[in-house]
C-alpha atoms as a PDB file:
ATOM      1  CA  MET A   1      56.345 255.503  99.469  1.00  0.00           C
ATOM      2  CA  PRO A   2      57.454 258.692  97.692  1.00  0.00           C
ATOM      3  CA  SER A   3      57.787 258.906  93.938  1.00  0.00           C
ATOM      4  CA  ASP A   4      61.104 259.418  92.188  1.00  0.00           C
ATOM      5  CA  SER A   5      62.617 262.774  91.338  1.00  0.00           C
ATOM      6  CA  PRO A   6      61.316 264.743  88.314  1.00  0.00           C
ATOM      7  CA  ALA A   7      64.602 264.129  86.501  1.00  0.00           C
ATOM      8  CA  ALA A   8      64.253 260.368  86.800  1.00  0.00           C
ATOM      9  CA  THR A   9      60.610 260.542  85.780  1.00  0.00           C
ATOM     10  CA  ALA A  10      61.448 262.556  82.673  1.00  0.00           C
ATOM     11  CA  GLN A  11      64.051 260.064  81.462  1.00  0.00           C
ATOM     12  CA  ARG A  12      61.730 257.242  80.417  1.00  0.00           C
ATOM     13  CA  GLY A  13      58.382 258.201  81.903  1.00  0.00           C
ATOM     14  CA  LEU A  14      56.509 257.587  85.137  1.00  0.00           C
ATOM     15  CA  VAL A  15      55.209 254.101  85.948  1.00  0.00           C
ATOM     16  CA  LEU A  16      52.426 253.754  88.494  1.00  0.00           C
ATOM     17  CA  VAL A  17      52.851 250.458  90.362  1.00  0.00           C
ATOM     18  CA  VAL A  18      49.686 249.286  92.132  1.00  0.00           C
ATOM     19  CA  GLU A  19      50.714 246.446  94.445  1.00  0.00           C
ATOM     20  CA  ASP A  20      49.657 245.782  98.047  1.00  0.00           C
ATOM     21  CA  GLU A  21      52.486 243.365  98.902  1.00  0.00           C
ATOM     22  CA  PRO A  22      55.356 245.597 100.106  1.00  0.00           C
ATOM     23  CA  ALA A  23      58.105 243.122  99.241  1.00  0.00           C
ATOM     24  CA  ILE A  24      56.936 242.786  95.635  1.00  0.00           C
ATOM     25  CA  ALA A  25      56.343 246.539  95.345  1.00  0.00           C
ATOM     26  CA  ASP A  26      59.887 247.275  96.535  1.00  0.00           C
ATOM     27  CA  VAL A  27      61.424 244.855  94.022  1.00  0.00           C
ATOM     28  CA  LEU A  28      59.430 246.331  91.151  1.00  0.00           C
ATOM     29  CA  ARG A  29      60.289 249.857  92.187  1.00  0.00           C
ATOM     30  CA  LEU A  30      64.015 249.111  92.368  1.00  0.00           C
ATOM     31  CA  ASN A  31      64.067 247.361  88.989  1.00  0.00           C
ATOM     32  CA  LEU A  32      62.022 250.022  87.211  1.00  0.00           C
ATOM     33  CA  ARG A  33      64.172 252.792  88.713  1.00  0.00           C
ATOM     34  CA  ALA A  34      67.318 250.959  87.583  1.00  0.00           C
ATOM     35  CA  ALA A  35      65.895 250.945  84.051  1.00  0.00           C
ATOM     36  CA  GLY A  36      65.436 254.712  84.168  1.00  0.00           C
ATOM     37  CA  TYR A  37      61.743 255.037  84.991  1.00  0.00           C
ATOM     38  CA  GLY A  38      60.170 257.246  87.579  1.00  0.00           C
ATOM     39  CA  VAL A  39      58.013 255.163  89.909  1.00  0.00           C
ATOM     40  CA  GLU A  40      55.011 255.860  92.123  1.00  0.00           C
ATOM     41  CA  VAL A  41      53.831 252.945  94.297  1.00  0.00           C
ATOM     42  CA  VAL A  42      50.365 252.668  95.832  1.00  0.00           C
ATOM     43  CA  GLY A  43      48.751 249.655  97.466  1.00  0.00           C
ATOM     44  CA  ASP A  44      45.034 250.345  97.196  1.00  0.00           C
ATOM     45  CA  GLY A  45      42.656 250.358  94.249  1.00  0.00           C
ATOM     46  CA  ALA A  46      40.817 253.538  95.199  1.00  0.00           C
ATOM     47  CA  VAL A  47      44.102 255.375  95.741  1.00  0.00           C
ATOM     48  CA  ALA A  48      45.341 254.033  92.398  1.00  0.00           C
ATOM     49  CA  LEU A  49      42.452 255.746  90.583  1.00  0.00           C
ATOM     50  CA  GLN A  50      43.302 259.030  92.243  1.00  0.00           C
ATOM     51  CA  ALA A  51      46.997 258.655  91.449  1.00  0.00           C
ATOM     52  CA  ALA A  52      46.333 257.773  87.794  1.00  0.00           C
ATOM     53  CA  ARG A  53      44.216 260.895  87.354  1.00  0.00           C
ATOM     54  CA  ALA A  54      46.605 263.191  89.220  1.00  0.00           C
ATOM     55  CA  LEU A  55      49.963 261.928  87.943  1.00  0.00           C
ATOM     56  CA  ARG A  56      49.099 260.941  84.342  1.00  0.00           C
ATOM     57  CA  PRO A  57      51.625 258.064  84.321  1.00  0.00           C
ATOM     58  CA  SER A  58      53.084 256.668  81.118  1.00  0.00           C
ATOM     59  CA  ALA A  59      52.085 253.125  82.140  1.00  0.00           C
ATOM     60  CA  ILE A  60      50.378 251.320  85.013  1.00  0.00           C
ATOM     61  CA  VAL A  61      51.484 247.999  86.534  1.00  0.00           C
ATOM     62  CA  LEU A  62      48.290 246.782  88.157  1.00  0.00           C
ATOM     63  CA  ASP A  63      47.907 243.864  90.563  1.00  0.00           C
ATOM     64  CA  ILE A  64      44.494 242.202  90.505  1.00  0.00           C
ATOM     65  CA  GLY A  65      44.191 241.325  94.205  1.00  0.00           C
ATOM     66  CA  LEU A  66      43.857 244.765  95.826  1.00  0.00           C
ATOM     67  CA  PRO A  67      41.937 246.078  98.835  1.00  0.00           C
ATOM     68  CA  THR A  68      38.913 248.383  98.372  1.00  0.00           C
ATOM     69  CA  LEU A  69      38.816 248.000  94.577  1.00  0.00           C
ATOM     70  CA  ASP A  70      40.437 245.083  92.750  1.00  0.00           C
ATOM     71  CA  GLY A  71      42.620 245.661  89.714  1.00  0.00           C
ATOM     72  CA  ILE A  72      39.915 244.660  87.258  1.00  0.00           C
ATOM     73  CA  GLU A  73      37.550 247.301  88.625  1.00  0.00           C
ATOM     74  CA  VAL A  74      40.325 249.917  88.604  1.00  0.00           C
ATOM     75  CA  CYS A  75      41.013 249.254  84.928  1.00  0.00           C
ATOM     76  CA  ARG A  76      37.315 249.216  84.090  1.00  0.00           C
ATOM     77  CA  ARG A  77      36.803 252.626  85.686  1.00  0.00           C
ATOM     78  CA  LEU A  78      39.841 254.098  83.961  1.00  0.00           C
ATOM     79  CA  ARG A  79      38.648 252.918  80.549  1.00  0.00           C
ATOM     80  CA  ALA A  80      35.085 254.047  81.224  1.00  0.00           C
ATOM     81  CA  GLY A  81      36.470 257.493  81.990  1.00  0.00           C
ATOM     82  CA  GLY A  82      38.373 257.633  78.696  1.00  0.00           C
ATOM     83  CA  ASP A  83      41.798 256.914  80.215  1.00  0.00           C
ATOM     84  CA  TRP A  84      43.715 254.582  77.875  1.00  0.00           C
ATOM     85  CA  THR A  85      47.029 254.642  79.707  1.00  0.00           C
ATOM     86  CA  PRO A  86      48.758 251.303  78.943  1.00  0.00           C
ATOM     87  CA  VAL A  87      47.971 248.759  81.675  1.00  0.00           C
ATOM     88  CA  LEU A  88      50.038 245.670  82.451  1.00  0.00           C
ATOM     89  CA  PHE A  89      48.174 243.349  84.814  1.00  0.00           C
ATOM     90  CA  VAL A  90      49.836 241.156  87.424  1.00  0.00           C
ATOM     91  CA  THR A  91      47.804 238.126  88.454  1.00  0.00           C
ATOM     92  CA  ALA A  92      48.357 235.103  90.663  1.00  0.00           C
ATOM     93  CA  ARG A  93      45.960 232.950  88.638  1.00  0.00           C
ATOM     94  CA  ASP A  94      46.429 231.973  85.025  1.00  0.00           C
ATOM     95  CA  ASP A  95      42.700 231.348  84.617  1.00  0.00           C
ATOM     96  CA  GLU A  96      42.090 235.085  85.085  1.00  0.00           C
ATOM     97  CA  VAL A  97      43.861 235.904  81.826  1.00  0.00           C
ATOM     98  CA  ASP A  98      40.689 235.951  79.732  1.00  0.00           C
ATOM     99  CA  ARG A  99      39.059 238.301  82.252  1.00  0.00           C
ATOM    100  CA  ILE A 100      41.922 240.770  82.473  1.00  0.00           C
ATOM    101  CA  LEU A 101      42.377 240.875  78.705  1.00  0.00           C
ATOM    102  CA  GLY A 102      38.614 240.759  78.207  1.00  0.00           C
ATOM    103  CA  LEU A 103      36.748 242.872  75.710  1.00  0.00           C
ATOM    104  CA  GLU A 104      35.350 245.168  78.382  1.00  0.00           C
ATOM    105  CA  LEU A 105      38.739 246.042  79.908  1.00  0.00           C
ATOM    106  CA  GLY A 106      41.293 246.777  77.235  1.00  0.00           C
ATOM    107  CA  ALA A 107      44.429 245.658  79.079  1.00  0.00           C
ATOM    108  CA  ASP A 108      47.683 245.775  77.124  1.00  0.00           C
ATOM    109  CA  ASP A 109      49.600 242.872  78.668  1.00  0.00           C
ATOM    110  CA  TYR A 110      49.804 240.638  81.728  1.00  0.00           C
ATOM    111  CA  LEU A 111      52.176 238.583  83.846  1.00  0.00           C
ATOM    112  CA  THR A 112      51.350 235.720  86.178  1.00  0.00           C
ATOM    113  CA  LYS A 113      53.069 235.293  89.550  1.00  0.00           C
ATOM    114  CA  PRO A 114      55.793 234.348  90.150  1.00  0.00           C
ATOM    115  CA  PHE A 115      57.543 236.370  87.450  1.00  0.00           C
ATOM    116  CA  SER A 116      60.952 237.841  86.799  1.00  0.00           C
ATOM    117  CA  PRO A 117      61.177 241.574  87.619  1.00  0.00           C
ATOM    118  CA  ARG A 118      63.453 241.953  84.600  1.00  0.00           C
ATOM    119  CA  GLU A 119      60.736 240.496  82.374  1.00  0.00           C
ATOM    120  CA  LEU A 120      58.214 242.952  83.784  1.00  0.00           C
ATOM    121  CA  VAL A 121      60.561 245.860  83.034  1.00  0.00           C
ATOM    122  CA  ALA A 122      60.974 244.537  79.474  1.00  0.00           C
ATOM    123  CA  ARG A 123      57.206 244.274  79.059  1.00  0.00           C
ATOM    124  CA  VAL A 124      56.716 247.851  80.288  1.00  0.00           C
ATOM    125  CA  GLY A 125      59.317 249.059  77.782  1.00  0.00           C
ATOM    126  CA  SER A 126      57.618 247.163  74.966  1.00  0.00           C
ATOM    127  CA  VAL A 127      54.206 248.641  75.783  1.00  0.00           C
ATOM    128  CA  LEU A 128      55.618 252.164  75.919  1.00  0.00           C
ATOM    129  CA  ARG A 129      57.419 251.786  72.594  1.00  0.00           C
ATOM    130  CA  ARG A 130      54.134 250.796  70.996  1.00  0.00           C
ATOM    131  CA  THR A 131      52.315 253.699  72.624  1.00  0.00           C
ATOM    132  CA  ARG A 132      54.825 256.354  71.694  1.00  0.00           C
ATOM    133  CA  GLY A 133      55.520 255.074  68.213  1.00  0.00           C
ATOM    134  CA  ASP A 134      58.231 256.771  66.182  1.00  0.00           C
ATOM    135  CA  ALA A 135      58.762 259.866  64.096  1.00  0.00           C
ATOM    136  CA  ALA A 136      58.168 258.142  60.788  1.00  0.00           C
ATOM    137  CA  THR A 137      56.447 259.940  57.940  1.00  0.00           C
ATOM    138  CA  PRO A 138      52.705 260.095  58.609  1.00  0.00           C
ATOM    139  CA  ALA A 139      50.783 257.397  56.779  1.00  0.00           C
ATOM    140  CA  VAL A 140      47.229 256.181  56.700  1.00  0.00           C
ATOM    141  CA  LEU A 141      46.234 252.562  56.065  1.00  0.00           C
ATOM    142  CA  ARG A 142      42.770 251.970  54.626  1.00  0.00           C
ATOM    143  CA  HIS A 143      40.513 248.998  54.175  1.00  0.00           C
ATOM    144  CA  GLY A 144      37.001 249.809  53.093  1.00  0.00           C
ATOM    145  CA  PRO A 145      35.433 252.068  55.750  1.00  0.00           C
ATOM    146  CA  LEU A 146      38.403 251.473  58.095  1.00  0.00           C
ATOM    147  CA  THR A 147      41.258 253.991  58.339  1.00  0.00           C
ATOM    148  CA  VAL A 148      44.335 253.592  60.546  1.00  0.00           C
ATOM    149  CA  ASP A 149      46.447 256.727  60.975  1.00  0.00           C
ATOM    150  CA  LEU A 150      49.962 255.624  61.916  1.00  0.00           C
ATOM    151  CA  SER A 151      50.967 259.154  62.921  1.00  0.00           C
ATOM    152  CA  SER A 152      48.110 260.144  65.217  1.00  0.00           C
ATOM    153  CA  HIS A 153      47.286 256.555  66.270  1.00  0.00           C
ATOM    154  CA  GLU A 154      43.653 257.152  65.338  1.00  0.00           C
ATOM    155  CA  VAL A 155      41.395 254.385  64.072  1.00  0.00           C
ATOM    156  CA  ARG A 156      38.111 255.273  62.388  1.00  0.00           C
ATOM    157  CA  VAL A 157      35.252 253.353  60.822  1.00  0.00           C
ATOM    158  CA  ASP A 158      33.080 255.429  58.503  1.00  0.00           C
ATOM    159  CA  GLY A 159      34.581 258.512  60.141  1.00  0.00           C
ATOM    160  CA  SER A 160      33.757 257.489  63.711  1.00  0.00           C
ATOM    161  CA  GLU A 161      36.767 257.072  66.005  1.00  0.00           C
ATOM    162  CA  ILE A 162      37.292 253.643  67.572  1.00  0.00           C
ATOM    163  CA  ALA A 163      39.232 253.504  70.847  1.00  0.00           C
ATOM    164  CA  LEU A 164      41.965 250.851  70.724  1.00  0.00           C
ATOM    165  CA  THR A 165      44.659 250.151  73.287  1.00  0.00           C
ATOM    166  CA  ALA A 166      48.283 250.578  72.246  1.00  0.00           C
ATOM    167  CA  THR A 167      48.610 246.822  71.802  1.00  0.00           C
ATOM    168  CA  GLU A 168      45.402 246.510  69.794  1.00  0.00           C
ATOM    169  CA  PHE A 169      46.490 249.373  67.542  1.00  0.00           C
ATOM    170  CA  ASP A 170      49.924 247.885  66.887  1.00  0.00           C
ATOM    171  CA  LEU A 171      48.477 244.449  66.165  1.00  0.00           C
ATOM    172  CA  LEU A 172      46.001 245.865  63.651  1.00  0.00           C
ATOM    173  CA  ALA A 173      48.585 248.128  62.005  1.00  0.00           C
ATOM    174  CA  HIS A 174      51.154 245.336  61.797  1.00  0.00           C
ATOM    175  CA  LEU A 175      48.749 243.089  59.911  1.00  0.00           C
ATOM    176  CA  MET A 176      47.412 245.862  57.676  1.00  0.00           C
ATOM    177  CA  ARG A 177      50.909 246.928  56.634  1.00  0.00           C
ATOM    178  CA  ARG A 178      51.300 243.476  55.064  1.00  0.00           C
ATOM    179  CA  PRO A 179      47.894 242.505  53.653  1.00  0.00           C
ATOM    180  CA  GLY A 180      47.585 238.879  52.643  1.00  0.00           C
ATOM    181  CA  ILE A 181      50.666 237.798  54.624  1.00  0.00           C
ATOM    182  CA  VAL A 182      49.879 235.115  57.196  1.00  0.00           C
ATOM    183  CA  PHE A 183      51.569 235.475  60.581  1.00  0.00           C
ATOM    184  CA  THR A 184      51.768 232.714  63.144  1.00  0.00           C
ATOM    185  CA  ARG A 185      50.866 233.544  66.726  1.00  0.00           C
ATOM    186  CA  GLU A 186      54.532 233.213  67.666  1.00  0.00           C
ATOM    187  CA  GLN A 187      55.551 235.696  64.944  1.00  0.00           C
ATOM    188  CA  LEU A 188      52.947 238.201  66.088  1.00  0.00           C
ATOM    189  CA  LEU A 189      54.041 237.858  69.695  1.00  0.00           C
ATOM    190  CA  SER A 190      57.616 238.618  68.677  1.00  0.00           C
ATOM    191  CA  ASP A 191      56.807 241.409  66.186  1.00  0.00           C
ATOM    192  CA  VAL A 192      54.082 243.211  68.146  1.00  0.00           C
ATOM    193  CA  TRP A 193      54.703 242.359  71.791  1.00  0.00           C
ATOM    194  CA  GLY A 194      58.474 242.166  71.467  1.00  0.00           C
ATOM    195  CA  TYR A 195      59.013 238.944  73.378  1.00  0.00           C
ATOM    196  CA  ALA A 196      58.478 235.202  73.197  1.00  0.00           C
ATOM    197  CA  SER A 197      56.341 233.229  75.618  1.00  0.00           C
ATOM    198  CA  SER A 198      54.639 229.863  75.804  1.00  0.00           C
ATOM    199  CA  ALA A 199      51.431 231.715  76.700  1.00  0.00           C
ATOM    200  CA  GLY A 200      51.665 233.838  73.585  1.00  0.00           C
ATOM    201  CA  GLY A 201      49.043 232.088  71.504  1.00  0.00           C
ATOM    202  CA  ARG A 202      46.373 232.815  74.042  1.00  0.00           C
ATOM    203  CA  THR A 203      47.443 236.441  74.347  1.00  0.00           C
ATOM    204  CA  VAL A 204      47.296 236.972  70.582  1.00  0.00           C
ATOM    205  CA  ASP A 205      43.909 235.268  70.243  1.00  0.00           C
ATOM    206  CA  VAL A 206      42.307 237.423  72.929  1.00  0.00           C
ATOM    207  CA  HIS A 207      43.642 240.651  71.437  1.00  0.00           C
ATOM    208  CA  VAL A 208      42.476 239.670  67.956  1.00  0.00           C
ATOM    209  CA  ALA A 209      39.014 239.040  69.416  1.00  0.00           C
ATOM    210  CA  GLN A 210      39.107 242.486  71.044  1.00  0.00           C
ATOM    211  CA  VAL A 211      39.978 244.218  67.771  1.00  0.00           C
ATOM    212  CA  ARG A 212      37.284 242.327  65.865  1.00  0.00           C
ATOM    213  CA  ALA A 213      34.657 243.154  68.465  1.00  0.00           C
ATOM    214  CA  LYS A 214      35.483 246.866  68.325  1.00  0.00           C
ATOM    215  CA  LEU A 215      35.682 247.115  64.532  1.00  0.00           C
ATOM    216  CA  GLY A 216      32.730 244.862  63.762  1.00  0.00           C
ATOM    217  CA  ASP A 217      32.216 244.176  60.053  1.00  0.00           C
ATOM    218  CA  ALA A 218      35.032 246.605  59.204  1.00  0.00           C
ATOM    219  CA  SER A 219      37.671 244.299  60.699  1.00  0.00           C
ATOM    220  CA  PRO A 220      40.107 243.091  58.015  1.00  0.00           C
ATOM    221  CA  ILE A 221      41.601 240.346  60.211  1.00  0.00           C
ATOM    222  CA  ARG A 222      40.933 236.775  59.137  1.00  0.00           C
ATOM    223  CA  THR A 223      41.903 233.519  60.772  1.00  0.00           C
ATOM    224  CA  VAL A 224      44.020 231.044  58.845  1.00  0.00           C
ATOM    225  CA  ARG A 225      43.219 227.801  60.581  1.00  0.00           C
ATOM    226  CA  SER A 226      46.117 225.959  62.191  1.00  0.00           C
ATOM    227  CA  VAL A 227      48.456 228.775  61.156  1.00  0.00           C
ATOM    228  CA  GLY A 228      47.601 232.235  62.471  1.00  0.00           C
ATOM    229  CA  TYR A 229      46.170 235.528  61.235  1.00  0.00           C
ATOM    230  CA  ALA A 230      46.301 237.819  58.212  1.00  0.00           C
ATOM    231  CA  ALA A 231      44.752 241.076  57.064  1.00  0.00           C
ATOM    232  CA  GLU A 232      42.551 240.732  54.015  1.00  0.00           C
ATOM    233  CA  ARG A 233      43.756 242.360  50.829  1.00  0.00           C
ATOM    234  CA  ALA A 234      41.622 245.285  49.773  1.00  0.00           C
ATOM    235  CA  THR A 235      40.217 245.187  46.237  1.00  0.00           C
ATOM    236  CA  ARG A 236      42.270 248.322  45.616  1.00  0.00           C
ATOM    237  CA  ASP A 237      45.458 249.740  47.115  1.00  0.00           C
ATOM    238  CA  THR A 238      44.886 250.214  50.855  1.00  0.00           C
ATOM    239  CA  THR A 239      46.391 253.722  50.607  1.00  0.00           C
ATOM    240  CA  ALA A 240      43.675 254.842  48.208  1.00  0.00           C
ATOM    241  CA  GLU A 241      40.268 256.149  49.186  1.00  0.00           C
ATOM    242  CA  ARG A 242      37.455 253.657  48.878  1.00  0.00           C
ATOM    243  CA  GLY A 243      33.783 254.197  49.263  1.00  0.00           C
ATOM    244  CA  GLY A 244      33.082 250.882  50.952  1.00  0.00           C
ATOM    245  CA  ARG A 245      34.056 247.274  51.409  1.00  0.00           C
ATOM    246  CA  ASP A 246      33.760 245.086  48.347  1.00  0.00           C
ATOM    247  CA  THR A 247      32.295 241.986  49.906  1.00  0.00           C
ATOM    248  CA  ALA A 248      31.767 240.313  46.572  1.00  0.00           C
ATOM    249  CA  THR A 249      35.499 239.830  46.051  1.00  0.00           C
ATOM    250  CA  GLU A 250      36.605 239.309  49.646  1.00  0.00           C
ATOM    251  CA  PRO A 251      36.298 236.049  51.561  1.00  0.00           C
ATOM    252  CA  PRO A 252      34.044 236.071  54.613  1.00  0.00           C
ATOM    253  CA  ASP A 253      35.636 236.298  58.055  1.00  0.00           C
ATOM    254  CA  ASP A 254      36.468 233.025  59.703  1.00  0.00           C
ATOM    255  CA  PRO A 255      35.002 232.360  63.157  1.00  0.00           C
ATOM    256  CA  PRO A 256      36.887 234.043  66.036  1.00  0.00           C
ATOM    257  CA  ALA A 257      40.122 232.410  67.092  1.00  0.00           C
ATOM    258  CA  GLU A 258      38.657 231.297  70.397  1.00  0.00           C
ATOM    259  CA  SER A 259      36.610 228.674  68.578  1.00  0.00           C
ATOM    260  CA  THR A 260      39.577 227.212  66.739  1.00  0.00           C
END
């Protein structure tokens, strides 16, 4: 199926839809086009890798059950190659959620079948808003060896860059902007993801685990049992340079959310 015109693509960006069921692919294409996106549809995992590299889409809607290469392997290969294009997975099985949002993949969001095409379009828009950010004055958040540059979307620990997905970055930045403030999972889903869902708690927990795993001891996120998550307060202003983390005055990290 041919992609949309360059004018349509330029309006809100190009979305690569990877779906091998023609009826579903057609519905997604029509709804995304109606929302102003350019759309390229492919139905095979191997072809999807080629299209992602050639077209440089703004976002990828990726079905898991694909011929040749499944969606999980497609995402794994993209990430391994340094491609952090936002990925929204579509899955027919809810028990695959932990896999598709797993630490080794770096997916940004997911939907389980059956789903509303309008919800998928809303999710794509939310992911792209997080990725593109805004034109606000550049600012850097700091916590010990961790720096989060809100302008360049760069995260560093002791000067070494840490690759976060758009969703992981926004979650971390949202908490660090308000150190010490406890957010429920529902609040984070609304503030960071931009929607409400009964599956939200699980989504938030998995992404928090991803951020913690990537940042290691530099992670400022702590679990507030039976409530949600907060960023630890630094011993000094988080906008000031610090030589290291003052562990003597900061509480230890709680166990990961998955154990709560």
